[in-house]
Amino acid sequence: MNAIRTLKLAGAALIVVASVNAWAQESESSATSTATQGTSKSAVRKANRTLGKKVLQALSKGGVDTAGINVLAKGGAVTLAGRVADPSQIEKAGSIANGVSGVTSVKNALTIREGGQ
């Protein structure tokens, strides 16, 4: 009976040690947050807004109707969302956004606006 109790206690201790060790390991997301730790959240938000505005201006200058387009930027990754009137503007918007300095990737989620919408 004592041998079973001792084995249970040793097994529980082993599980606790293993879980504490796994919890203490650094993940990729915490490594990136450590790299940006010197930058305040408001500065990061401001940089994201500035990049979004630059992309929107480039789209407008490039001949894309930006009335129904939202540009979301996060750390250089840009998402284009909304609707455009012409199917050719979807590809054009993606290539223009990809050419803006500071943009590392573009997710193009634009759709074609149906008539009357």
PDB file of N, CA and C in Angstrom:
ATOM      1  N   MET A   1       0.820  -1.187   0.000  1.00  0.00           N
ATOM      2  CA  MET A   1       0.000   0.000   0.000  1.00  0.00           C
ATOM      3  C   MET A   1       0.871   1.261   0.000  1.00  0.00           C
ATOM      4  N   ASN A   2       1.941   1.239   0.806  1.00  0.00           N
ATOM      5  CA  ASN A   2       2.847   2.381   0.848  1.00  0.00           C
ATOM      6  C   ASN A   2       3.587   2.555  -0.470  1.00  0.00           C
ATOM      7  N   ALA A   3       3.897   1.462  -1.161  1.00  0.00           N
ATOM      8  CA  ALA A   3       4.599   1.535  -2.441  1.00  0.00           C
ATOM      9  C   ALA A   3       3.727   2.220  -3.490  1.00  0.00           C
ATOM     10  N   ILE A   4       2.441   1.939  -3.492  1.00  0.00           N
ATOM     11  CA  ILE A   4       1.518   2.567  -4.447  1.00  0.00           C
ATOM     12  C   ILE A   4       1.394   4.056  -4.161  1.00  0.00           C
ATOM     13  N   ARG A   5       1.276   4.379  -2.876  1.00  0.00           N
ATOM     14  CA  ARG A   5       1.177   5.784  -2.481  1.00  0.00           C
ATOM     15  C   ARG A   5       2.452   6.543  -2.865  1.00  0.00           C
ATOM     16  N   THR A   6       3.597   5.946  -2.689  1.00  0.00           N
ATOM     17  CA  THR A   6       4.870   6.570  -3.043  1.00  0.00           C
ATOM     18  C   THR A   6       4.976   6.765  -4.548  1.00  0.00           C
ATOM     19  N   LEU A   7       4.547   5.770  -5.328  1.00  0.00           N
ATOM     20  CA  LEU A   7       4.582   5.906  -6.788  1.00  0.00           C
ATOM     21  C   LEU A   7       3.631   7.007  -7.267  1.00  0.00           C
ATOM     22  N   LYS A   8       2.459   7.101  -6.656  1.00  0.00           N
ATOM     23  CA  LYS A   8       1.517   8.158  -7.022  1.00  0.00           C
ATOM     24  C   LYS A   8       2.114   9.536  -6.724  1.00  0.00           C
ATOM     25  N   LEU A   9       2.737   9.673  -5.572  1.00  0.00           N
ATOM     26  CA  LEU A   9       3.348  10.935  -5.189  1.00  0.00           C
ATOM     27  C   LEU A   9       4.495  11.299  -6.122  1.00  0.00           C
ATOM     28  N   ALA A  10       5.314  10.316  -6.468  1.00  0.00           N
ATOM     29  CA  ALA A  10       6.433  10.560  -7.389  1.00  0.00           C
ATOM     30  C   ALA A  10       5.914  10.933  -8.778  1.00  0.00           C
ATOM     31  N   GLY A  11       4.856  10.276  -9.235  1.00  0.00           N
ATOM     32  CA  GLY A  11       4.265  10.609 -10.539  1.00  0.00           C
ATOM     33  C   GLY A  11       3.687  12.008 -10.552  1.00  0.00           C
ATOM     34  N   ALA A  12       3.013  12.395  -9.489  1.00  0.00           N
ATOM     35  CA  ALA A  12       2.452  13.742  -9.398  1.00  0.00           C
ATOM     36  C   ALA A  12       3.560  14.790  -9.395  1.00  0.00           C
ATOM     37  N   ALA A  13       4.623  14.515  -8.671  1.00  0.00           N
ATOM     38  CA  ALA A  13       5.746  15.454  -8.626  1.00  0.00           C
ATOM     39  C   ALA A  13       6.385  15.592  -9.997  1.00  0.00           C
ATOM     40  N   LEU A  14       6.497  14.491 -10.715  1.00  0.00           N
ATOM     41  CA  LEU A  14       7.070  14.530 -12.062  1.00  0.00           C
ATOM     42  C   LEU A  14       6.204  15.362 -13.007  1.00  0.00           C
ATOM     43  N   ILE A  15       4.901  15.223 -12.907  1.00  0.00           N
ATOM     44  CA  ILE A  15       3.981  16.000 -13.751  1.00  0.00           C
ATOM     45  C   ILE A  15       4.099  17.490 -13.437  1.00  0.00           C
ATOM     46  N   VAL A  16       4.182  17.833 -12.174  1.00  0.00           N
ATOM     47  CA  VAL A  16       4.315  19.240 -11.785  1.00  0.00           C
ATOM     48  C   VAL A  16       5.615  19.820 -12.316  1.00  0.00           C
ATOM     49  N   VAL A  17       6.711  19.099 -12.169  1.00  0.00           N
ATOM     50  CA  VAL A  17       8.001  19.583 -12.655  1.00  0.00           C
ATOM     51  C   VAL A  17       7.977  19.767 -14.171  1.00  0.00           C
ATOM     52  N   ALA A  18       7.393  18.815 -14.887  1.00  0.00           N
ATOM     53  CA  ALA A  18       7.336  18.904 -16.350  1.00  0.00           C
ATOM     54  C   ALA A  18       6.464  20.070 -16.795  1.00  0.00           C
ATOM     55  N   SER A  19       5.346  20.308 -16.131  1.00  0.00           N
ATOM     56  CA  SER A  19       4.461  21.396 -16.547  1.00  0.00           C
ATOM     57  C   SER A  19       5.075  22.757 -16.244  1.00  0.00           C
ATOM     58  N   VAL A  20       5.766  22.898 -15.118  1.00  0.00           N
ATOM     59  CA  VAL A  20       6.428  24.159 -14.792  1.00  0.00           C
ATOM     60  C   VAL A  20       7.534  24.431 -15.796  1.00  0.00           C
ATOM     61  N   ASN A  21       8.272  23.403 -16.182  1.00  0.00           N
ATOM     62  CA  ASN A  21       9.342  23.568 -17.154  1.00  0.00           C
ATOM     63  C   ASN A  21       8.792  23.978 -18.520  1.00  0.00           C
ATOM     64  N   ALA A  22       7.702  23.361 -18.939  1.00  0.00           N
ATOM     65  CA  ALA A  22       7.104  23.701 -20.231  1.00  0.00           C
ATOM     66  C   ALA A  22       6.540  25.115 -20.207  1.00  0.00           C
ATOM     67  N   TRP A  23       5.963  25.521 -19.086  1.00  0.00           N
ATOM     68  CA  TRP A  23       5.368  26.847 -18.973  1.00  0.00           C
ATOM     69  C   TRP A  23       6.436  27.924 -19.026  1.00  0.00           C
ATOM     70  N   ALA A  24       7.626  27.643 -18.509  1.00  0.00           N
ATOM     71  CA  ALA A  24       8.685  28.632 -18.425  1.00  0.00           C
ATOM     72  C   ALA A  24       9.402  28.855 -19.752  1.00  0.00           C
ATOM     73  N   GLN A  25       9.216  27.959 -20.730  1.00  0.00           N
ATOM     74  CA  GLN A  25       9.892  28.126 -22.009  1.00  0.00           C
ATOM     75  C   GLN A  25       9.318  29.309 -22.756  1.00  0.00           C
ATOM     76  N   GLU A  26      10.176  29.997 -23.493  1.00  0.00           N
ATOM     77  CA  GLU A  26       9.772  31.190 -24.214  1.00  0.00           C
ATOM     78  C   GLU A  26       9.206  30.810 -25.570  1.00  0.00           C
ATOM     79  N   SER A  27       8.038  31.376 -25.906  1.00  0.00           N
ATOM     80  CA  SER A  27       7.430  31.101 -27.201  1.00  0.00           C
ATOM     81  C   SER A  27       7.823  32.186 -28.199  1.00  0.00           C
ATOM     82  N   GLU A  28       7.484  31.957 -29.453  1.00  0.00           N
ATOM     83  CA  GLU A  28       7.818  32.913 -30.513  1.00  0.00           C
ATOM     84  C   GLU A  28       7.112  34.241 -30.309  1.00  0.00           C
ATOM     85  N   SER A  29       5.849  34.207 -29.887  1.00  0.00           N
ATOM     86  CA  SER A  29       5.102  35.447 -29.698  1.00  0.00           C
ATOM     87  C   SER A  29       5.691  36.280 -28.575  1.00  0.00           C
ATOM     88  N   SER A  30       6.166  35.656 -27.514  1.00  0.00           N
ATOM     89  CA  SER A  30       6.776  36.432 -26.442  1.00  0.00           C
ATOM     90  C   SER A  30       8.134  36.971 -26.874  1.00  0.00           C
ATOM     91  N   ALA A  31       8.806  36.259 -27.765  1.00  0.00           N
ATOM     92  CA  ALA A  31      10.077  36.757 -28.272  1.00  0.00           C
ATOM     93  C   ALA A  31       9.870  38.004 -29.111  1.00  0.00           C
ATOM     94  N   THR A  32       8.811  38.038 -29.921  1.00  0.00           N
ATOM     95  CA  THR A  32       8.551  39.227 -30.725  1.00  0.00           C
ATOM     96  C   THR A  32       8.067  40.372 -29.861  1.00  0.00           C
ATOM     97  N   SER A  33       7.315  40.085 -28.790  1.00  0.00           N
ATOM     98  CA  SER A  33       6.871  41.157 -27.925  1.00  0.00           C
ATOM     99  C   SER A  33       8.051  41.746 -27.163  1.00  0.00           C
ATOM    100  N   THR A  34       9.057  40.926 -26.867  1.00  0.00           N
ATOM    101  CA  THR A  34      10.251  41.431 -26.218  1.00  0.00           C
ATOM    102  C   THR A  34      11.015  42.346 -27.162  1.00  0.00           C
ATOM    103  N   ALA A  35      11.005  42.028 -28.454  1.00  0.00           N
ATOM    104  CA  ALA A  35      11.708  42.856 -29.421  1.00  0.00           C
ATOM    105  C   ALA A  35      11.048  44.219 -29.575  1.00  0.00           C
ATOM    106  N   THR A  36       9.732  44.287 -29.426  1.00  0.00           N
ATOM    107  CA  THR A  36       9.020  45.558 -29.571  1.00  0.00           C
ATOM    108  C   THR A  36       8.712  46.194 -28.225  1.00  0.00           C
ATOM    109  N   GLN A  37       9.318  45.672 -27.167  1.00  0.00           N
ATOM    110  CA  GLN A  37       9.029  46.159 -25.830  1.00  0.00           C
ATOM    111  C   GLN A  37       9.438  47.616 -25.666  1.00  0.00           C
ATOM    112  N   GLY A  38      10.469  48.053 -26.340  1.00  0.00           N
ATOM    113  CA  GLY A  38      10.922  49.426 -26.227  1.00  0.00           C
ATOM    114  C   GLY A  38       9.980  50.407 -26.887  1.00  0.00           C
ATOM    115  N   THR A  39       9.086  49.953 -27.732  1.00  0.00           N
ATOM    116  CA  THR A  39       8.136  50.804 -28.430  1.00  0.00           C
ATOM    117  C   THR A  39       6.801  50.770 -27.693  1.00  0.00           C
ATOM    118  N   SER A  40       6.248  51.947 -27.451  1.00  0.00           N
ATOM    119  CA  SER A  40       4.967  51.996 -26.741  1.00  0.00           C
ATOM    120  C   SER A  40       3.833  51.555 -27.658  1.00  0.00           C
ATOM    121  N   LYS A  41       2.732  51.140 -27.046  1.00  0.00           N
ATOM    122  CA  LYS A  41       1.575  50.690 -27.819  1.00  0.00           C
ATOM    123  C   LYS A  41       1.022  51.823 -28.661  1.00  0.00           C
ATOM    124  N   SER A  42       1.022  53.028 -28.130  1.00  0.00           N
ATOM    125  CA  SER A  42       0.485  54.157 -28.896  1.00  0.00           C
ATOM    126  C   SER A  42       1.363  54.462 -30.110  1.00  0.00           C
ATOM    127  N   ALA A  43       2.668  54.286 -29.981  1.00  0.00           N
ATOM    128  CA  ALA A  43       3.562  54.508 -31.123  1.00  0.00           C
ATOM    129  C   ALA A  43       3.334  53.458 -32.201  1.00  0.00           C
ATOM    130  N   VAL A  44       3.093  52.216 -31.780  1.00  0.00           N
ATOM    131  CA  VAL A  44       2.828  51.145 -32.747  1.00  0.00           C
ATOM    132  C   VAL A  44       1.511  51.421 -33.467  1.00  0.00           C
ATOM    133  N   ARG A  45       0.477  51.804 -32.707  1.00  0.00           N
ATOM    134  CA  ARG A  45      -0.818  52.123 -33.334  1.00  0.00           C
ATOM    135  C   ARG A  45      -0.683  53.280 -34.317  1.00  0.00           C
ATOM    136  N   LYS A  46       0.090  54.286 -33.928  1.00  0.00           N
ATOM    137  CA  LYS A  46       0.283  55.447 -34.802  1.00  0.00           C
ATOM    138  C   LYS A  46       0.999  55.039 -36.088  1.00  0.00           C
ATOM    139  N   ALA A  47       2.004  54.182 -35.967  1.00  0.00           N
ATOM    140  CA  ALA A  47       2.728  53.702 -37.151  1.00  0.00           C
ATOM    141  C   ALA A  47       1.798  52.892 -38.054  1.00  0.00           C
ATOM    142  N   ASN A  48       0.935  52.075 -37.468  1.00  0.00           N
ATOM    143  CA  ASN A  48      -0.020  51.297 -38.261  1.00  0.00           C
ATOM    144  C   ASN A  48      -1.009  52.201 -38.979  1.00  0.00           C
ATOM    145  N   ARG A  49      -1.530  53.215 -38.289  1.00  0.00           N
ATOM    146  CA  ARG A  49      -2.456  54.161 -38.935  1.00  0.00           C
ATOM    147  C   ARG A  49      -1.774  54.913 -40.074  1.00  0.00           C
ATOM    148  N   THR A  50      -0.526  55.334 -39.836  1.00  0.00           N
ATOM    149  CA  THR A  50       0.229  56.058 -40.869  1.00  0.00           C
ATOM    150  C   THR A  50       0.437  55.190 -42.097  1.00  0.00           C
ATOM    151  N   LEU A  51       0.788  53.935 -41.899  1.00  0.00           N
ATOM    152  CA  LEU A  51       0.984  53.023 -43.027  1.00  0.00           C
ATOM    153  C   LEU A  51      -0.326  52.811 -43.772  1.00  0.00           C
ATOM    154  N   GLY A  52      -1.416  52.655 -43.041  1.00  0.00           N
ATOM    155  CA  GLY A  52      -2.728  52.496 -43.682  1.00  0.00           C
ATOM    156  C   GLY A  52      -3.092  53.704 -44.535  1.00  0.00           C
ATOM    157  N   LYS A  53      -2.806  54.891 -44.022  1.00  0.00           N
ATOM    158  CA  LYS A  53      -3.089  56.120 -44.791  1.00  0.00           C
ATOM    159  C   LYS A  53      -2.211  56.206 -46.034  1.00  0.00           C
ATOM    160  N   LYS A  54      -0.932  55.799 -45.901  1.00  0.00           N
ATOM    161  CA  LYS A  54      -0.040  55.808 -47.065  1.00  0.00           C
ATOM    162  C   LYS A  54      -0.551  54.872 -48.149  1.00  0.00           C
ATOM    163  N   VAL A  55      -1.019  53.705 -47.754  1.00  0.00           N
ATOM    164  CA  VAL A  55      -1.546  52.742 -48.723  1.00  0.00           C
ATOM    165  C   VAL A  55      -2.800  53.303 -49.376  1.00  0.00           C
ATOM    166  N   LEU A  56      -3.693  53.885 -48.592  1.00  0.00           N
ATOM    167  CA  LEU A  56      -4.929  54.456 -49.140  1.00  0.00           C
ATOM    168  C   LEU A  56      -4.629  55.590 -50.118  1.00  0.00           C
ATOM    169  N   GLN A  57      -3.652  56.431 -49.793  1.00  0.00           N
ATOM    170  CA  GLN A  57      -3.257  57.508 -50.704  1.00  0.00           C
ATOM    171  C   GLN A  57      -2.669  56.946 -51.992  1.00  0.00           C
ATOM    172  N   ALA A  58      -1.849  55.908 -51.873  1.00  0.00           N
ATOM    173  CA  ALA A  58      -1.255  55.296 -53.065  1.00  0.00           C
ATOM    174  C   ALA A  58      -2.330  54.675 -53.948  1.00  0.00           C
ATOM    175  N   LEU A  59      -3.335  54.063 -53.340  1.00  0.00           N
ATOM    176  CA  LEU A  59      -4.430  53.486 -54.115  1.00  0.00           C
ATOM    177  C   LEU A  59      -5.181  54.578 -54.860  1.00  0.00           C
ATOM    178  N   SER A  60      -5.445  55.676 -54.186  1.00  0.00           N
ATOM    179  CA  SER A  60      -6.161  56.792 -54.795  1.00  0.00           C
ATOM    180  C   SER A  60      -5.362  57.379 -55.962  1.00  0.00           C
ATOM    181  N   LYS A  61      -4.047  57.584 -55.753  1.00  0.00           N
ATOM    182  CA  LYS A  61      -3.194  58.116 -56.815  1.00  0.00           C
ATOM    183  C   LYS A  61      -3.067  57.138 -57.976  1.00  0.00           C
ATOM    184  N   GLY A  62      -3.183  55.855 -57.685  1.00  0.00           N
ATOM    185  CA  GLY A  62      -3.061  54.824 -58.713  1.00  0.00           C
ATOM    186  C   GLY A  62      -4.328  54.611 -59.516  1.00  0.00           C
ATOM    187  N   GLY A  63      -5.392  55.341 -59.203  1.00  0.00           N
ATOM    188  CA  GLY A  63      -6.620  55.236 -59.981  1.00  0.00           C
ATOM    189  C   GLY A  63      -7.634  54.240 -59.446  1.00  0.00           C
ATOM    190  N   VAL A  64      -7.472  53.817 -58.213  1.00  0.00           N
ATOM    191  CA  VAL A  64      -8.427  52.894 -57.611  1.00  0.00           C
ATOM    192  C   VAL A  64      -9.436  53.718 -56.814  1.00  0.00           C
ATOM    193  N   ASP A  65     -10.730  53.439 -57.009  1.00  0.00           N
ATOM    194  CA  ASP A  65     -11.778  54.123 -56.253  1.00  0.00           C
ATOM    195  C   ASP A  65     -11.742  53.608 -54.824  1.00  0.00           C
ATOM    196  N   THR A  66     -11.346  54.469 -53.881  1.00  0.00           N
ATOM    197  CA  THR A  66     -11.149  54.044 -52.501  1.00  0.00           C
ATOM    198  C   THR A  66     -12.375  54.280 -51.619  1.00  0.00           C
ATOM    199  N   ALA A  67     -13.501  54.655 -52.211  1.00  0.00           N
ATOM    200  CA  ALA A  67     -14.693  54.973 -51.421  1.00  0.00           C
ATOM    201  C   ALA A  67     -15.173  53.771 -50.602  1.00  0.00           C
ATOM    202  N   GLY A  68     -15.085  52.572 -51.126  1.00  0.00           N
ATOM    203  CA  GLY A  68     -15.569  51.399 -50.414  1.00  0.00           C
ATOM    204  C   GLY A  68     -14.474  50.512 -49.877  1.00  0.00           C
ATOM    205  N   ILE A  69     -13.248  51.045 -49.739  1.00  0.00           N
ATOM    206  CA  ILE A  69     -12.106  50.235 -49.327  1.00  0.00           C
ATOM    207  C   ILE A  69     -11.644  50.631 -47.925  1.00  0.00           C
ATOM    208  N   ASN A  70     -11.430  49.639 -47.081  1.00  0.00           N
ATOM    209  CA  ASN A  70     -10.811  49.834 -45.766  1.00  0.00           C
ATOM    210  C   ASN A  70      -9.428  49.226 -45.803  1.00  0.00           C
ATOM    211  N   VAL A  71      -8.455  49.947 -45.267  1.00  0.00           N
ATOM    212  CA  VAL A  71      -7.081  49.458 -45.210  1.00  0.00           C
ATOM    213  C   VAL A  71      -6.720  49.263 -43.744  1.00  0.00           C
ATOM    214  N   LEU A  72      -6.363  48.046 -43.386  1.00  0.00           N
ATOM    215  CA  LEU A  72      -5.934  47.730 -42.029  1.00  0.00           C
ATOM    216  C   LEU A  72      -4.464  47.346 -42.079  1.00  0.00           C
ATOM    217  N   ALA A  73      -3.648  48.000 -41.262  1.00  0.00           N
ATOM    218  CA  ALA A  73      -2.215  47.707 -41.230  1.00  0.00           C
ATOM    219  C   ALA A  73      -1.827  47.276 -39.830  1.00  0.00           C
ATOM    220  N   LYS A  74      -0.991  46.252 -39.768  1.00  0.00           N
ATOM    221  CA  LYS A  74      -0.481  45.785 -38.477  1.00  0.00           C
ATOM    222  C   LYS A  74       0.941  45.282 -38.679  1.00  0.00           C
ATOM    223  N   GLY A  75       1.880  46.074 -38.252  1.00  0.00           N
ATOM    224  CA  GLY A  75       3.282  45.669 -38.322  1.00  0.00           C
ATOM    225  C   GLY A  75       3.783  45.424 -39.732  1.00  0.00           C
ATOM    226  N   GLY A  76       3.310  46.165 -40.698  1.00  0.00           N
ATOM    227  CA  GLY A  76       3.732  45.982 -42.084  1.00  0.00           C
ATOM    228  C   GLY A  76       2.822  45.086 -42.891  1.00  0.00           C
ATOM    229  N   ALA A  77       2.006  44.289 -42.235  1.00  0.00           N
ATOM    230  CA  ALA A  77       1.037  43.433 -42.930  1.00  0.00           C
ATOM    231  C   ALA A  77      -0.226  44.257 -43.171  1.00  0.00           C
ATOM    232  N   VAL A  78      -0.644  44.333 -44.420  1.00  0.00           N
ATOM    233  CA  VAL A  78      -1.783  45.165 -44.804  1.00  0.00           C
ATOM    234  C   VAL A  78      -2.916  44.278 -45.300  1.00  0.00           C
ATOM    235  N   THR A  79      -4.133  44.592 -44.856  1.00  0.00           N
ATOM    236  CA  THR A  79      -5.324  43.906 -45.334  1.00  0.00           C
ATOM    237  C   THR A  79      -6.206  44.923 -46.049  1.00  0.00           C
ATOM    238  N   LEU A  80      -6.567  44.608 -47.278  1.00  0.00           N
ATOM    239  CA  LEU A  80      -7.497  45.429 -48.043  1.00  0.00           C
ATOM    240  C   LEU A  80      -8.860  44.759 -47.965  1.00  0.00           C
ATOM    241  N   ALA A  81      -9.858  45.497 -47.468  1.00  0.00           N
ATOM    242  CA  ALA A  81     -11.196  44.939 -47.327  1.00  0.00           C
ATOM    243  C   ALA A  81     -12.200  45.928 -47.899  1.00  0.00           C
ATOM    244  N   GLY A  82     -13.296  45.405 -48.419  1.00  0.00           N
ATOM    245  CA  GLY A  82     -14.340  46.261 -48.958  1.00  0.00           C
ATOM    246  C   GLY A  82     -14.747  45.836 -50.350  1.00  0.00           C
ATOM    247  N   ARG A  83     -15.368  46.779 -51.041  1.00  0.00           N
ATOM    248  CA  ARG A  83     -15.898  46.480 -52.373  1.00  0.00           C
ATOM    249  C   ARG A  83     -15.429  47.508 -53.396  1.00  0.00           C
ATOM    250  N   VAL A  84     -15.165  47.020 -54.593  1.00  0.00           N
ATOM    251  CA  VAL A  84     -14.803  47.881 -55.718  1.00  0.00           C
ATOM    252  C   VAL A  84     -15.770  47.622 -56.861  1.00  0.00           C
ATOM    253  N   ALA A  85     -15.889  48.605 -57.745  1.00  0.00           N
ATOM    254  CA  ALA A  85     -16.855  48.510 -58.832  1.00  0.00           C
ATOM    255  C   ALA A  85     -16.383  47.594 -59.960  1.00  0.00           C
ATOM    256  N   ASP A  86     -15.085  47.568 -60.212  1.00  0.00           N
ATOM    257  CA  ASP A  86     -14.539  46.863 -61.369  1.00  0.00           C
ATOM    258  C   ASP A  86     -13.619  45.722 -60.906  1.00  0.00           C
ATOM    259  N   PRO A  87     -13.767  44.527 -61.469  1.00  0.00           N
ATOM    260  CA  PRO A  87     -12.907  43.409 -61.064  1.00  0.00           C
ATOM    261  C   PRO A  87     -11.411  43.671 -61.270  1.00  0.00           C
ATOM    262  N   SER A  88     -11.062  44.474 -62.259  1.00  0.00           N
ATOM    263  CA  SER A  88      -9.648  44.752 -62.514  1.00  0.00           C
ATOM    264  C   SER A  88      -9.025  45.572 -61.386  1.00  0.00           C
ATOM    265  N   GLN A  89      -9.858  46.291 -60.620  1.00  0.00           N
ATOM    266  CA  GLN A  89      -9.320  47.114 -59.535  1.00  0.00           C
ATOM    267  C   GLN A  89      -8.864  46.273 -58.346  1.00  0.00           C
ATOM    268  N   ILE A  90      -9.363  45.064 -58.239  1.00  0.00           N
ATOM    269  CA  ILE A  90      -8.945  44.194 -57.133  1.00  0.00           C
ATOM    270  C   ILE A  90      -7.466  43.870 -57.257  1.00  0.00           C
ATOM    271  N   GLU A  91      -7.060  43.389 -58.422  1.00  0.00           N
ATOM    272  CA  GLU A  91      -5.650  43.057 -58.645  1.00  0.00           C
ATOM    273  C   GLU A  91      -4.776  44.305 -58.622  1.00  0.00           C
ATOM    274  N   LYS A  92      -5.284  45.383 -59.203  1.00  0.00           N
ATOM    275  CA  LYS A  92      -4.541  46.640 -59.242  1.00  0.00           C
ATOM    276  C   LYS A  92      -4.297  47.154 -57.825  1.00  0.00           C
ATOM    277  N   ALA A  93      -5.303  47.093 -56.969  1.00  0.00           N
ATOM    278  CA  ALA A  93      -5.162  47.560 -55.589  1.00  0.00           C
ATOM    279  C   ALA A  93      -4.127  46.731 -54.841  1.00  0.00           C
ATOM    280  N   GLY A  94      -4.134  45.436 -55.055  1.00  0.00           N
ATOM    281  CA  GLY A  94      -3.163  44.571 -54.398  1.00  0.00           C
ATOM    282  C   GLY A  94      -1.739  44.875 -54.804  1.00  0.00           C
ATOM    283  N   SER A  95      -1.524  45.086 -56.088  1.00  0.00           N
ATOM    284  CA  SER A  95      -0.160  45.364 -56.550  1.00  0.00           C
ATOM    285  C   SER A  95       0.309  46.750 -56.115  1.00  0.00           C
ATOM    286  N   ILE A  96      -0.592  47.719 -56.095  1.00  0.00           N
ATOM    287  CA  ILE A  96      -0.212  49.063 -55.635  1.00  0.00           C
ATOM    288  C   ILE A  96       0.137  49.020 -54.150  1.00  0.00           C
ATOM    289  N   ALA A  97      -0.693  48.356 -53.356  1.00  0.00           N
ATOM    290  CA  ALA A  97      -0.444  48.273 -51.916  1.00  0.00           C
ATOM    291  C   ALA A  97       0.871  47.564 -51.628  1.00  0.00           C
ATOM    292  N   ASN A  98       1.190  46.551 -52.393  1.00  0.00           N
ATOM    293  CA  ASN A  98       2.435  45.813 -52.208  1.00  0.00           C
ATOM    294  C   ASN A  98       3.657  46.673 -52.518  1.00  0.00           C
ATOM    295  N   GLY A  99       3.490  47.699 -53.343  1.00  0.00           N
ATOM    296  CA  GLY A  99       4.597  48.571 -53.716  1.00  0.00           C
ATOM    297  C   GLY A  99       4.855  49.717 -52.752  1.00  0.00           C
ATOM    298  N   VAL A 100       4.017  49.892 -51.751  1.00  0.00           N
ATOM    299  CA  VAL A 100       4.192  50.985 -50.793  1.00  0.00           C
ATOM    300  C   VAL A 100       5.314  50.608 -49.824  1.00  0.00           C
ATOM    301  N   SER A 101       6.201  51.569 -49.549  1.00  0.00           N
ATOM    302  CA  SER A 101       7.309  51.282 -48.633  1.00  0.00           C
ATOM    303  C   SER A 101       6.769  51.036 -47.225  1.00  0.00           C
ATOM    304  N   GLY A 102       7.306  50.021 -46.573  1.00  0.00           N
ATOM    305  CA  GLY A 102       6.860  49.656 -45.237  1.00  0.00           C
ATOM    306  C   GLY A 102       5.899  48.487 -45.230  1.00  0.00           C
ATOM    307  N   VAL A 103       5.349  48.146 -46.402  1.00  0.00           N
ATOM    308  CA  VAL A 103       4.409  47.025 -46.496  1.00  0.00           C
ATOM    309  C   VAL A 103       5.206  45.738 -46.693  1.00  0.00           C
ATOM    310  N   THR A 104       4.981  44.775 -45.799  1.00  0.00           N
ATOM    311  CA  THR A 104       5.693  43.501 -45.903  1.00  0.00           C
ATOM    312  C   THR A 104       4.844  42.424 -46.566  1.00  0.00           C
ATOM    313  N   SER A 105       3.507  42.513 -46.392  1.00  0.00           N
ATOM    314  CA  SER A 105       2.615  41.555 -47.035  1.00  0.00           C
ATOM    315  C   SER A 105       1.248  42.197 -47.219  1.00  0.00           C
ATOM    316  N   VAL A 106       0.501  41.679 -48.206  1.00  0.00           N
ATOM    317  CA  VAL A 106      -0.826  42.204 -48.503  1.00  0.00           C
ATOM    318  C   VAL A 106      -1.811  41.054 -48.559  1.00  0.00           C
ATOM    319  N   LYS A 107      -2.884  41.183 -47.793  1.00  0.00           N
ATOM    320  CA  LYS A 107      -4.003  40.249 -47.887  1.00  0.00           C
ATOM    321  C   LYS A 107      -5.120  41.014 -48.584  1.00  0.00           C
ATOM    322  N   ASN A 108      -5.468  40.579 -49.755  1.00  0.00           N
ATOM    323  CA  ASN A 108      -6.475  41.279 -50.554  1.00  0.00           C
ATOM    324  C   ASN A 108      -7.827  40.604 -50.380  1.00  0.00           C
ATOM    325  N   ALA A 109      -8.701  41.223 -49.613  1.00  0.00           N
ATOM    326  CA  ALA A 109     -10.044  40.676 -49.377  1.00  0.00           C
ATOM    327  C   ALA A 109     -11.109  41.535 -50.042  1.00  0.00           C
ATOM    328  N   LEU A 110     -10.750  42.196 -51.125  1.00  0.00           N
ATOM    329  CA  LEU A 110     -11.711  43.026 -51.848  1.00  0.00           C
ATOM    330  C   LEU A 110     -12.666  42.165 -52.663  1.00  0.00           C
ATOM    331  N   THR A 111     -13.896  42.629 -52.771  1.00  0.00           N
ATOM    332  CA  THR A 111     -14.902  41.945 -53.573  1.00  0.00           C
ATOM    333  C   THR A 111     -15.505  42.935 -54.571  1.00  0.00           C
ATOM    334  N   ILE A 112     -16.245  42.400 -55.520  1.00  0.00           N
ATOM    335  CA  ILE A 112     -16.861  43.235 -56.540  1.00  0.00           C
ATOM    336  C   ILE A 112     -18.196  43.739 -56.030  1.00  0.00           C
ATOM    337  N   ARG A 113     -18.423  45.025 -56.175  1.00  0.00           N
ATOM    338  CA  ARG A 113     -19.675  45.648 -55.770  1.00  0.00           C
ATOM    339  C   ARG A 113     -20.738  45.312 -56.802  1.00  0.00           C
ATOM    340  N   GLU A 114     -21.844  44.752 -56.325  1.00  0.00           N
ATOM    341  CA  GLU A 114     -22.972  44.451 -57.213  1.00  0.00           C
ATOM    342  C   GLU A 114     -23.672  45.742 -57.588  1.00  0.00           C
ATOM    343  N   GLY A 115     -24.385  45.739 -58.700  1.00  0.00           N
ATOM    344  CA  GLY A 115     -25.134  46.923 -59.112  1.00  0.00           C
ATOM    345  C   GLY A 115     -26.165  47.316 -58.075  1.00  0.00           C
ATOM    346  N   GLY A 116     -26.263  48.612 -57.765  1.00  0.00           N
ATOM    347  CA  GLY A 116     -27.239  49.106 -56.830  1.00  0.00           C
ATOM    348  C   GLY A 116     -26.779  49.086 -55.384  1.00  0.00           C
ATOM    349  N   GLN A 117     -25.575  48.646 -55.118  1.00  0.00           N
ATOM    350  CA  GLN A 117     -25.097  48.617 -53.726  1.00  0.00           C
ATOM    351  C   GLN A 117     -24.131  49.728 -53.467  1.00  0.00           C
TER     352      GLN A 117
END
